[in-house]
Amino acid sequence: MKQEIDPKDTARARAFELWMTSPMPMVTLTKTFDVTRLYKVSRRRGLKFNMLLCWCIGQAASRVGEFFLLPEKGALYQYDRLAINVIVNNKDGGINSCDIPYSDDLEQFKQDYATLTQQASASCQSSVIDDAMVIGTSAMNATDLDSIVNQYTDQFCNPMVMWGKFRKGWFKVTLPISFQFHHVQMDGGQAARFLDELQKTINTI
């Protein structure tokens, strides 16, 4: 469910005043993650690495209350569920956007991920979940990247998590991940907490 709320009734009231009309309200943090366990689980269980990482992102975000808020067109909205957006290569050589409902149940998320991404690829049509707070992702697995800073448009204020190719060492697999968020939605402290929660989730999946 999505409902408009009064910013004055939330802990984000001051941030709303400061950043809602800012021409550039987005902030980007970049951190290198140890994804060794994620890599091993992916290989041993035959699961897609990106699917597992997307589930970890949803799991970590679900523990940070600010992820259930989102500024849109001068207003602040509250949601009761999350979704993860992925970019899908379609059969015609283009790309489509695909919203996947987040579930604490990894098996359910895996099934939804497979079904919805396959549908988007085959139909060349994007899918949208309007009543969930959507976390965008962008995986550019063909190249090594240290950081990604996304473009900003006031039509899209959702947080974005972005990465390139993971890096294999002798004993550890690492992956730099960029996290972009709207300053009305959260401050650096909450964003850093999300990144810490993401590493914990990856370590224990």
C-alpha atoms as a PDB file:
ATOM      1  CA  MET A   1       0.000   0.000   0.000  1.00  0.00           C
ATOM      2  CA  LYS A   2       1.115   3.548  -0.784  1.00  0.00           C
ATOM      3  CA  GLN A   3      -0.177   6.594   1.074  1.00  0.00           C
ATOM      4  CA  GLU A   4       0.782  10.248   1.224  1.00  0.00           C
ATOM      5  CA  ILE A   5       1.871  11.414   4.667  1.00  0.00           C
ATOM      6  CA  ASP A   6       2.647  14.795   6.228  1.00  0.00           C
ATOM      7  CA  PRO A   7       6.440  15.191   6.444  1.00  0.00           C
ATOM      8  CA  LYS A   8       5.949  17.131   9.689  1.00  0.00           C
ATOM      9  CA  ASP A   9       4.706  13.926  11.320  1.00  0.00           C
ATOM     10  CA  THR A  10       7.925  12.053  10.495  1.00  0.00           C
ATOM     11  CA  ALA A  11      11.578  12.156  11.466  1.00  0.00           C
ATOM     12  CA  ARG A  12      12.282  13.411   7.929  1.00  0.00           C
ATOM     13  CA  ALA A  13      10.555  16.791   8.420  1.00  0.00           C
ATOM     14  CA  ARG A  14      13.749  18.869   8.491  1.00  0.00           C
ATOM     15  CA  ALA A  15      15.273  16.927   5.601  1.00  0.00           C
ATOM     16  CA  PHE A  16      12.090  17.535   3.581  1.00  0.00           C
ATOM     17  CA  GLU A  17      12.431  21.284   4.139  1.00  0.00           C
ATOM     18  CA  LEU A  18      16.103  21.314   3.211  1.00  0.00           C
ATOM     19  CA  TRP A  19      16.259  18.954   0.255  1.00  0.00           C
ATOM     20  CA  MET A  20      12.844  18.604  -1.399  1.00  0.00           C
ATOM     21  CA  THR A  21      13.464  21.563  -3.714  1.00  0.00           C
ATOM     22  CA  SER A  22      17.199  21.021  -4.104  1.00  0.00           C
ATOM     23  CA  PRO A  23      18.289  20.831  -7.769  1.00  0.00           C
ATOM     24  CA  MET A  24      20.579  17.913  -6.870  1.00  0.00           C
ATOM     25  CA  PRO A  25      19.253  16.079  -3.779  1.00  0.00           C
ATOM     26  CA  MET A  26      20.931  12.734  -4.491  1.00  0.00           C
ATOM     27  CA  VAL A  27      23.869  11.352  -2.505  1.00  0.00           C
ATOM     28  CA  THR A  28      26.108   8.444  -3.592  1.00  0.00           C
ATOM     29  CA  LEU A  29      28.129   6.211  -1.286  1.00  0.00           C
ATOM     30  CA  THR A  30      30.512   3.537  -2.587  1.00  0.00           C
ATOM     31  CA  LYS A  31      31.830   0.564  -0.631  1.00  0.00           C
ATOM     32  CA  THR A  32      33.806  -2.536  -1.579  1.00  0.00           C
ATOM     33  CA  PHE A  33      32.018  -5.647  -0.312  1.00  0.00           C
ATOM     34  CA  ASP A  34      33.360  -9.070   0.504  1.00  0.00           C
ATOM     35  CA  VAL A  35      31.015 -11.278  -1.558  1.00  0.00           C
ATOM     36  CA  THR A  36      32.953 -14.513  -1.110  1.00  0.00           C
ATOM     37  CA  ARG A  37      30.079 -16.330   0.586  1.00  0.00           C
ATOM     38  CA  LEU A  38      27.575 -15.070  -1.991  1.00  0.00           C
ATOM     39  CA  TYR A  39      29.832 -16.308  -4.783  1.00  0.00           C
ATOM     40  CA  LYS A  40      30.184 -19.739  -3.152  1.00  0.00           C
ATOM     41  CA  VAL A  41      26.441 -20.104  -2.535  1.00  0.00           C
ATOM     42  CA  SER A  42      25.772 -19.112  -6.134  1.00  0.00           C
ATOM     43  CA  ARG A  43      28.186 -21.732  -7.480  1.00  0.00           C
ATOM     44  CA  ARG A  44      27.229 -24.554  -5.114  1.00  0.00           C
ATOM     45  CA  ARG A  45      23.463 -24.168  -5.460  1.00  0.00           C
ATOM     46  CA  GLY A  46      23.367 -23.157  -9.119  1.00  0.00           C
ATOM     47  CA  LEU A  47      21.726 -19.804  -8.336  1.00  0.00           C
ATOM     48  CA  LYS A  48      22.270 -16.538 -10.185  1.00  0.00           C
ATOM     49  CA  PHE A  49      24.697 -14.256  -8.372  1.00  0.00           C
ATOM     50  CA  ASN A  50      22.693 -11.123  -9.250  1.00  0.00           C
ATOM     51  CA  MET A  51      19.458 -12.691  -7.998  1.00  0.00           C
ATOM     52  CA  LEU A  52      21.085 -13.518  -4.674  1.00  0.00           C
ATOM     53  CA  LEU A  53      22.536 -10.016  -4.372  1.00  0.00           C
ATOM     54  CA  CYS A  54      19.138  -8.465  -5.144  1.00  0.00           C
ATOM     55  CA  TRP A  55      17.560 -10.569  -2.392  1.00  0.00           C
ATOM     56  CA  CYS A  56      20.293  -9.464   0.030  1.00  0.00           C
ATOM     57  CA  ILE A  57      19.600  -5.836  -0.909  1.00  0.00           C
ATOM     58  CA  GLY A  58      15.907  -6.284  -0.121  1.00  0.00           C
ATOM     59  CA  GLN A  59      16.679  -8.088   3.130  1.00  0.00           C
ATOM     60  CA  ALA A  60      19.044  -5.332   4.305  1.00  0.00           C
ATOM     61  CA  ALA A  61      16.694  -2.530   3.225  1.00  0.00           C
ATOM     62  CA  SER A  62      13.772  -4.113   5.077  1.00  0.00           C
ATOM     63  CA  ARG A  63      15.678  -3.509   8.340  1.00  0.00           C
ATOM     64  CA  VAL A  64      16.058   0.245   7.716  1.00  0.00           C
ATOM     65  CA  GLY A  65      12.776   2.095   8.215  1.00  0.00           C
ATOM     66  CA  GLU A  66      13.642   4.993   5.897  1.00  0.00           C
ATOM     67  CA  PHE A  67      13.417   2.658   2.901  1.00  0.00           C
ATOM     68  CA  PHE A  68       9.642   2.615   3.330  1.00  0.00           C
ATOM     69  CA  LEU A  69       9.451   6.367   2.679  1.00  0.00           C
ATOM     70  CA  LEU A  70       9.892   8.092  -0.684  1.00  0.00           C
ATOM     71  CA  PRO A  71       9.666  11.735  -1.828  1.00  0.00           C
ATOM     72  CA  GLU A  72       7.766  12.197  -5.069  1.00  0.00           C
ATOM     73  CA  LYS A  73       6.746  15.414  -6.830  1.00  0.00           C
ATOM     74  CA  GLY A  74       6.822  17.600  -3.745  1.00  0.00           C
ATOM     75  CA  ALA A  75       5.143  15.093  -1.427  1.00  0.00           C
ATOM     76  CA  LEU A  76       6.255  12.305   0.907  1.00  0.00           C
ATOM     77  CA  TYR A  77       4.802   8.802   0.645  1.00  0.00           C
ATOM     78  CA  GLN A  78       4.902   5.793   2.928  1.00  0.00           C
ATOM     79  CA  TYR A  79       4.860   2.181   1.727  1.00  0.00           C
ATOM     80  CA  ASP A  80       4.282  -1.112   3.503  1.00  0.00           C
ATOM     81  CA  ARG A  81       6.375  -3.278   1.187  1.00  0.00           C
ATOM     82  CA  LEU A  82       9.481  -3.218  -0.997  1.00  0.00           C
ATOM     83  CA  ALA A  83      10.323  -4.311  -4.533  1.00  0.00           C
ATOM     84  CA  ILE A  84      13.601  -4.655  -6.405  1.00  0.00           C
ATOM     85  CA  ASN A  85      13.923  -3.322  -9.935  1.00  0.00           C
ATOM     86  CA  VAL A  86      16.300  -5.052 -12.365  1.00  0.00           C
ATOM     87  CA  ILE A  87      17.267  -4.259 -15.946  1.00  0.00           C
ATOM     88  CA  VAL A  88      16.648  -7.141 -18.356  1.00  0.00           C
ATOM     89  CA  ASN A  89      18.140  -7.738 -21.807  1.00  0.00           C
ATOM     90  CA  ASN A  90      15.233  -8.530 -24.102  1.00  0.00           C
ATOM     91  CA  LYS A  91      15.035 -10.809 -27.125  1.00  0.00           C
ATOM     92  CA  ASP A  92      15.186  -7.880 -29.559  1.00  0.00           C
ATOM     93  CA  GLY A  93      18.539  -6.672 -28.271  1.00  0.00           C
ATOM     94  CA  GLY A  94      17.147  -3.860 -26.123  1.00  0.00           C
ATOM     95  CA  ILE A  95      16.506  -3.587 -22.405  1.00  0.00           C
ATOM     96  CA  ASN A  96      13.439  -3.524 -20.189  1.00  0.00           C
ATOM     97  CA  SER A  97      12.793  -2.663 -16.574  1.00  0.00           C
ATOM     98  CA  CYS A  98      11.348  -5.311 -14.271  1.00  0.00           C
ATOM     99  CA  ASP A  99       9.964  -4.790 -10.734  1.00  0.00           C
ATOM    100  CA  ILE A 100      10.210  -7.876  -8.514  1.00  0.00           C
ATOM    101  CA  PRO A 101       8.314  -7.991  -5.195  1.00  0.00           C
ATOM    102  CA  TYR A 102      10.674  -8.508  -2.280  1.00  0.00           C
ATOM    103  CA  SER A 103       9.988 -11.482  -0.011  1.00  0.00           C
ATOM    104  CA  ASP A 104      11.862 -12.601   3.102  1.00  0.00           C
ATOM    105  CA  ASP A 105      11.498 -16.095   1.637  1.00  0.00           C
ATOM    106  CA  LEU A 106      14.485 -16.537  -0.694  1.00  0.00           C
ATOM    107  CA  GLU A 107      12.785 -19.377  -2.567  1.00  0.00           C
ATOM    108  CA  GLN A 108       9.744 -17.200  -3.306  1.00  0.00           C
ATOM    109  CA  PHE A 109      11.944 -14.320  -4.426  1.00  0.00           C
ATOM    110  CA  LYS A 110      13.929 -16.670  -6.661  1.00  0.00           C
ATOM    111  CA  GLN A 111      10.744 -17.902  -8.350  1.00  0.00           C
ATOM    112  CA  ASP A 112       9.391 -14.367  -8.868  1.00  0.00           C
ATOM    113  CA  TYR A 113      12.779 -13.204 -10.181  1.00  0.00           C
ATOM    114  CA  ALA A 114      12.954 -16.023 -12.734  1.00  0.00           C
ATOM    115  CA  THR A 115       9.335 -15.684 -13.878  1.00  0.00           C
ATOM    116  CA  LEU A 116       9.228 -11.906 -14.198  1.00  0.00           C
ATOM    117  CA  THR A 117      12.638 -11.445 -15.828  1.00  0.00           C
ATOM    118  CA  GLN A 118      11.869 -14.192 -18.353  1.00  0.00           C
ATOM    119  CA  GLN A 119       8.537 -12.552 -19.175  1.00  0.00           C
ATOM    120  CA  ALA A 120      10.186  -9.158 -19.638  1.00  0.00           C
ATOM    121  CA  SER A 121      12.877 -10.643 -21.878  1.00  0.00           C
ATOM    122  CA  ALA A 122      10.378 -12.511 -24.054  1.00  0.00           C
ATOM    123  CA  SER A 123       7.708  -9.791 -24.271  1.00  0.00           C
ATOM    124  CA  CYS A 124      10.061  -6.779 -24.497  1.00  0.00           C
ATOM    125  CA  GLN A 125       7.751  -5.050 -22.027  1.00  0.00           C
ATOM    126  CA  SER A 126       8.608  -3.519 -18.673  1.00  0.00           C
ATOM    127  CA  SER A 127       6.706  -4.403 -15.503  1.00  0.00           C
ATOM    128  CA  VAL A 128       5.875  -1.948 -12.726  1.00  0.00           C
ATOM    129  CA  ILE A 129       4.711  -2.378  -9.125  1.00  0.00           C
ATOM    130  CA  ASP A 130       3.047   0.905  -8.161  1.00  0.00           C
ATOM    131  CA  ASP A 131       2.239   0.174  -4.525  1.00  0.00           C
ATOM    132  CA  ALA A 132       5.744  -0.832  -3.375  1.00  0.00           C
ATOM    133  CA  MET A 133       8.823   1.268  -2.643  1.00  0.00           C
ATOM    134  CA  VAL A 134      11.108   0.174  -5.464  1.00  0.00           C
ATOM    135  CA  ILE A 135      14.867  -0.096  -5.051  1.00  0.00           C
ATOM    136  CA  GLY A 136      16.531   0.212  -8.431  1.00  0.00           C
ATOM    137  CA  THR A 137      19.530  -1.898  -9.386  1.00  0.00           C
ATOM    138  CA  SER A 138      21.927  -1.800 -12.295  1.00  0.00           C
ATOM    139  CA  ALA A 139      24.423  -4.595 -12.885  1.00  0.00           C
ATOM    140  CA  MET A 140      27.119  -4.027 -15.506  1.00  0.00           C
ATOM    141  CA  ASN A 141      28.815  -7.390 -15.158  1.00  0.00           C
ATOM    142  CA  ALA A 142      30.878  -7.101 -18.344  1.00  0.00           C
ATOM    143  CA  THR A 143      33.388  -4.667 -16.879  1.00  0.00           C
ATOM    144  CA  ASP A 144      35.279  -3.782 -13.689  1.00  0.00           C
ATOM    145  CA  LEU A 145      33.936  -0.625 -12.071  1.00  0.00           C
ATOM    146  CA  ASP A 146      35.076   1.219  -8.974  1.00  0.00           C
ATOM    147  CA  SER A 147      32.007   3.443  -8.693  1.00  0.00           C
ATOM    148  CA  ILE A 148      28.837   4.474 -10.503  1.00  0.00           C
ATOM    149  CA  VAL A 149      27.049   7.813 -10.137  1.00  0.00           C
ATOM    150  CA  ASN A 150      23.624   7.716 -11.746  1.00  0.00           C
ATOM    151  CA  GLN A 151      21.852  10.566 -13.504  1.00  0.00           C
ATOM    152  CA  TYR A 152      19.133  12.357 -11.536  1.00  0.00           C
ATOM    153  CA  THR A 153      15.617  13.153 -12.710  1.00  0.00           C
ATOM    154  CA  ASP A 154      12.789  14.465 -10.541  1.00  0.00           C
ATOM    155  CA  GLN A 155      10.614  11.785 -12.145  1.00  0.00           C
ATOM    156  CA  PHE A 156      12.624   9.085 -10.375  1.00  0.00           C
ATOM    157  CA  CYS A 157      13.696   9.623  -6.753  1.00  0.00           C
ATOM    158  CA  ASN A 158      14.051   5.954  -5.823  1.00  0.00           C
ATOM    159  CA  PRO A 159      17.282   4.622  -4.313  1.00  0.00           C
ATOM    160  CA  MET A 160      19.661   2.855  -6.682  1.00  0.00           C
ATOM    161  CA  VAL A 161      22.207   0.107  -6.005  1.00  0.00           C
ATOM    162  CA  MET A 162      24.748  -0.400  -8.809  1.00  0.00           C
ATOM    163  CA  TRP A 163      27.741  -2.642  -9.462  1.00  0.00           C
ATOM    164  CA  GLY A 164      30.021  -4.070 -12.149  1.00  0.00           C
ATOM    165  CA  LYS A 165      32.037  -7.315 -12.290  1.00  0.00           C
ATOM    166  CA  PHE A 166      33.130  -8.997  -9.079  1.00  0.00           C
ATOM    167  CA  ARG A 167      36.854  -9.456  -8.506  1.00  0.00           C
ATOM    168  CA  LYS A 168      38.338 -12.829  -7.605  1.00  0.00           C
ATOM    169  CA  GLY A 169      41.486 -12.969  -5.495  1.00  0.00           C
ATOM    170  CA  TRP A 170      43.312 -15.923  -3.983  1.00  0.00           C
ATOM    171  CA  PHE A 171      41.074 -16.206  -0.936  1.00  0.00           C
ATOM    172  CA  LYS A 172      38.374 -13.573  -1.368  1.00  0.00           C
ATOM    173  CA  VAL A 173      35.857 -12.300  -3.917  1.00  0.00           C
ATOM    174  CA  THR A 174      35.097  -8.576  -3.724  1.00  0.00           C
ATOM    175  CA  LEU A 175      32.629  -6.244  -5.402  1.00  0.00           C
ATOM    176  CA  PRO A 176      32.502  -2.430  -5.300  1.00  0.00           C
ATOM    177  CA  ILE A 177      28.873  -1.315  -4.933  1.00  0.00           C
ATOM    178  CA  SER A 178      27.501   2.214  -5.337  1.00  0.00           C
ATOM    179  CA  PHE A 179      24.388   3.275  -3.435  1.00  0.00           C
ATOM    180  CA  GLN A 180      22.527   6.413  -4.497  1.00  0.00           C
ATOM    181  CA  PHE A 181      19.669   7.827  -2.429  1.00  0.00           C
ATOM    182  CA  HIS A 182      17.517  10.946  -2.095  1.00  0.00           C
ATOM    183  CA  HIS A 183      18.519  13.064   0.895  1.00  0.00           C
ATOM    184  CA  VAL A 184      14.882  13.542   1.893  1.00  0.00           C
ATOM    185  CA  GLN A 185      14.481   9.783   2.222  1.00  0.00           C
ATOM    186  CA  MET A 186      17.479   9.253   4.467  1.00  0.00           C
ATOM    187  CA  ASP A 187      20.698  10.749   5.783  1.00  0.00           C
ATOM    188  CA  GLY A 188      24.220   9.388   5.486  1.00  0.00           C
ATOM    189  CA  GLY A 189      23.879   7.551   8.786  1.00  0.00           C
ATOM    190  CA  GLN A 190      20.915   5.477   7.635  1.00  0.00           C
ATOM    191  CA  ALA A 191      22.594   4.879   4.269  1.00  0.00           C
ATOM    192  CA  ALA A 192      25.746   3.642   5.997  1.00  0.00           C
ATOM    193  CA  ARG A 193      23.624   1.398   8.207  1.00  0.00           C
ATOM    194  CA  PHE A 194      22.047  -0.105   5.088  1.00  0.00           C
ATOM    195  CA  LEU A 195      25.483  -0.847   3.641  1.00  0.00           C
ATOM    196  CA  ASP A 196      26.529  -2.501   6.901  1.00  0.00           C
ATOM    197  CA  GLU A 197      23.312  -4.553   6.942  1.00  0.00           C
ATOM    198  CA  LEU A 198      23.951  -5.571   3.348  1.00  0.00           C
ATOM    199  CA  GLN A 199      27.415  -6.897   4.223  1.00  0.00           C
ATOM    200  CA  LYS A 200      25.972  -8.802   7.222  1.00  0.00           C
ATOM    201  CA  THR A 201      23.280 -10.327   5.008  1.00  0.00           C
ATOM    202  CA  ILE A 202      25.818 -11.379   2.386  1.00  0.00           C
ATOM    203  CA  ASN A 203      27.965 -12.949   5.120  1.00  0.00           C
ATOM    204  CA  THR A 204      25.111 -15.045   6.506  1.00  0.00           C
ATOM    205  CA  ILE A 205      23.012 -15.987   3.463  1.00  0.00           C
END
